[in-house]
Amino acid sequence: MILVESYFEFHMFFNCRNAVLALPILAFTSAYDPPCSLMMLLRYVKDSTSSRVSPP
C-alpha cells in the first residue's frame, strides 16, 4: 500500500520533464520490492512518454 501511495505522489508531483529525476528516487524508495517496483517504473515511463505525444 505504501508503494502505491508513493507511486501516485511521484506521478502527481513529477511531470514528464522530471521523469529522469523521479525514476531513480522512486526506485530508491521502493527498493524493498524490486519486481513490483520495476513494473511501476516501466508504467511510469510509458505514461510519461505517451503524454508527450499529442495528436496532429
N, C-alpha and C. Protein backbone atom coordinates (compact mmCIF):
# COMPACT_ATOMS: atom_id res chain seq x y z
N MET A 1 0.82 -1.20 0.00
CA MET A 1 0.00 0.00 0.00
C MET A 1 0.87 1.27 0.00
N ILE A 2 1.93 1.24 0.78
CA ILE A 2 2.82 2.41 0.83
C ILE A 2 3.46 2.65 -0.53
N LEU A 3 3.84 1.56 -1.20
CA LEU A 3 4.47 1.68 -2.52
C LEU A 3 3.51 2.33 -3.51
N VAL A 4 2.25 1.93 -3.49
CA VAL A 4 1.26 2.51 -4.40
C VAL A 4 1.06 3.98 -4.11
N GLU A 5 0.96 4.35 -2.84
CA GLU A 5 0.81 5.76 -2.47
C GLU A 5 2.01 6.57 -2.93
N SER A 6 3.20 6.02 -2.75
CA SER A 6 4.42 6.72 -3.18
C SER A 6 4.42 6.91 -4.69
N TYR A 7 4.00 5.90 -5.42
CA TYR A 7 3.96 5.99 -6.88
C TYR A 7 3.05 7.13 -7.32
N PHE A 8 1.85 7.21 -6.74
CA PHE A 8 0.92 8.25 -7.14
C PHE A 8 1.40 9.63 -6.72
N GLU A 9 2.09 9.73 -5.59
CA GLU A 9 2.66 11.02 -5.19
C GLU A 9 3.70 11.47 -6.21
N PHE A 10 4.58 10.55 -6.62
CA PHE A 10 5.58 10.91 -7.62
C PHE A 10 4.93 11.26 -8.95
N HIS A 11 3.91 10.51 -9.32
CA HIS A 11 3.24 10.77 -10.59
C HIS A 11 2.58 12.14 -10.58
N MET A 12 2.04 12.56 -9.45
CA MET A 12 1.38 13.86 -9.34
C MET A 12 2.39 15.00 -9.34
N PHE A 13 3.50 14.83 -8.61
CA PHE A 13 4.44 15.93 -8.42
C PHE A 13 5.52 16.03 -9.49
N PHE A 14 5.75 14.96 -10.22
CA PHE A 14 6.78 14.99 -11.26
C PHE A 14 6.13 14.75 -12.62
N ASN A 15 6.19 15.76 -13.48
CA ASN A 15 5.66 15.56 -14.82
C ASN A 15 6.73 14.93 -15.71
N CYS A 16 6.44 14.76 -16.97
CA CYS A 16 7.35 14.03 -17.85
C CYS A 16 8.71 14.71 -17.97
N ARG A 17 8.80 16.03 -17.78
CA ARG A 17 10.09 16.71 -17.86
C ARG A 17 11.00 16.31 -16.71
N ASN A 18 10.41 15.87 -15.59
CA ASN A 18 11.20 15.49 -14.42
C ASN A 18 11.28 13.98 -14.24
N ALA A 19 10.90 13.22 -15.25
CA ALA A 19 10.89 11.76 -15.13
C ALA A 19 12.29 11.22 -14.85
N VAL A 20 13.31 11.84 -15.43
CA VAL A 20 14.69 11.39 -15.21
C VAL A 20 15.05 11.49 -13.74
N LEU A 21 14.55 12.51 -13.06
CA LEU A 21 14.81 12.66 -11.63
C LEU A 21 13.89 11.76 -10.81
N ALA A 22 12.63 11.65 -11.20
CA ALA A 22 11.65 10.90 -10.42
C ALA A 22 11.93 9.40 -10.41
N LEU A 23 12.36 8.85 -11.51
CA LEU A 23 12.56 7.41 -11.60
C LEU A 23 13.62 6.88 -10.63
N PRO A 24 14.81 7.49 -10.55
CA PRO A 24 15.78 6.98 -9.57
C PRO A 24 15.31 7.14 -8.14
N ILE A 25 14.60 8.22 -7.83
CA ILE A 25 14.09 8.42 -6.47
C ILE A 25 13.06 7.36 -6.15
N LEU A 26 12.16 7.10 -7.07
CA LEU A 26 11.14 6.07 -6.85
C LEU A 26 11.79 4.70 -6.70
N ALA A 27 12.79 4.42 -7.51
CA ALA A 27 13.48 3.13 -7.41
C ALA A 27 14.17 2.99 -6.06
N PHE A 28 14.77 4.06 -5.59
CA PHE A 28 15.48 4.01 -4.30
C PHE A 28 14.50 3.83 -3.15
N THR A 29 13.38 4.54 -3.17
CA THR A 29 12.43 4.48 -2.05
C THR A 29 11.65 3.18 -2.03
N SER A 30 11.59 2.48 -3.15
CA SER A 30 10.82 1.24 -3.19
C SER A 30 11.71 0.03 -3.45
N ALA A 31 12.97 0.11 -3.06
CA ALA A 31 13.95 -0.94 -3.35
C ALA A 31 13.64 -2.24 -2.61
N TYR A 32 12.79 -2.19 -1.59
CA TYR A 32 12.48 -3.40 -0.82
C TYR A 32 11.63 -4.37 -1.61
N ASP A 33 11.04 -3.96 -2.73
CA ASP A 33 10.17 -4.82 -3.52
C ASP A 33 10.51 -4.67 -5.00
N PRO A 34 11.67 -5.15 -5.44
CA PRO A 34 12.15 -4.90 -6.80
C PRO A 34 11.21 -5.29 -7.94
N PRO A 35 10.60 -6.49 -7.96
CA PRO A 35 9.76 -6.82 -9.11
C PRO A 35 8.59 -5.86 -9.29
N CYS A 36 7.92 -5.54 -8.20
CA CYS A 36 6.79 -4.62 -8.27
C CYS A 36 7.28 -3.22 -8.65
N SER A 37 8.40 -2.82 -8.08
CA SER A 37 8.96 -1.51 -8.38
C SER A 37 9.30 -1.38 -9.85
N LEU A 38 9.88 -2.41 -10.42
CA LEU A 38 10.24 -2.39 -11.83
C LEU A 38 9.01 -2.21 -12.70
N MET A 39 7.94 -2.93 -12.39
CA MET A 39 6.71 -2.81 -13.17
C MET A 39 6.16 -1.39 -13.08
N MET A 40 6.19 -0.81 -11.89
CA MET A 40 5.66 0.54 -11.72
C MET A 40 6.54 1.57 -12.43
N LEU A 41 7.85 1.37 -12.40
CA LEU A 41 8.74 2.28 -13.11
C LEU A 41 8.49 2.22 -14.61
N LEU A 42 8.33 1.01 -15.14
CA LEU A 42 8.06 0.87 -16.57
C LEU A 42 6.74 1.53 -16.94
N ARG A 43 5.74 1.38 -16.09
CA ARG A 43 4.45 2.02 -16.34
C ARG A 43 4.60 3.54 -16.30
N TYR A 44 5.38 4.05 -15.36
CA TYR A 44 5.60 5.49 -15.25
C TYR A 44 6.27 6.03 -16.51
N VAL A 45 7.29 5.32 -16.99
CA VAL A 45 7.98 5.73 -18.21
C VAL A 45 7.02 5.72 -19.39
N LYS A 46 6.21 4.68 -19.49
CA LYS A 46 5.24 4.58 -20.58
C LYS A 46 4.25 5.74 -20.53
N ASP A 47 3.71 6.03 -19.33
CA ASP A 47 2.76 7.13 -19.18
C ASP A 47 3.42 8.47 -19.50
N SER A 48 4.64 8.66 -19.05
CA SER A 48 5.34 9.92 -19.28
C SER A 48 5.63 10.14 -20.75
N THR A 49 6.07 9.10 -21.43
CA THR A 49 6.40 9.25 -22.85
C THR A 49 5.15 9.37 -23.70
N SER A 50 4.08 8.69 -23.34
CA SER A 50 2.86 8.78 -24.13
C SER A 50 2.18 10.13 -23.95
N SER A 51 2.37 10.78 -22.80
CA SER A 51 1.76 12.08 -22.58
C SER A 51 2.47 13.18 -23.36
N ARG A 52 3.69 12.91 -23.81
CA ARG A 52 4.43 13.89 -24.61
C ARG A 52 3.91 13.95 -26.04
N VAL A 53 3.38 12.86 -26.53
CA VAL A 53 2.93 12.79 -27.92
C VAL A 53 1.50 13.29 -28.00
N SER A 54 1.31 14.35 -28.77
CA SER A 54 -0.04 14.89 -28.94
C SER A 54 -0.54 14.56 -30.33
N PRO A 55 -1.83 14.32 -30.45
CA PRO A 55 -2.38 14.01 -31.78
C PRO A 55 -2.23 15.18 -32.73
N PRO A 56 -2.03 14.92 -34.02
CA PRO A 56 -1.84 16.01 -35.01
C PRO A 56 -3.07 16.85 -35.20
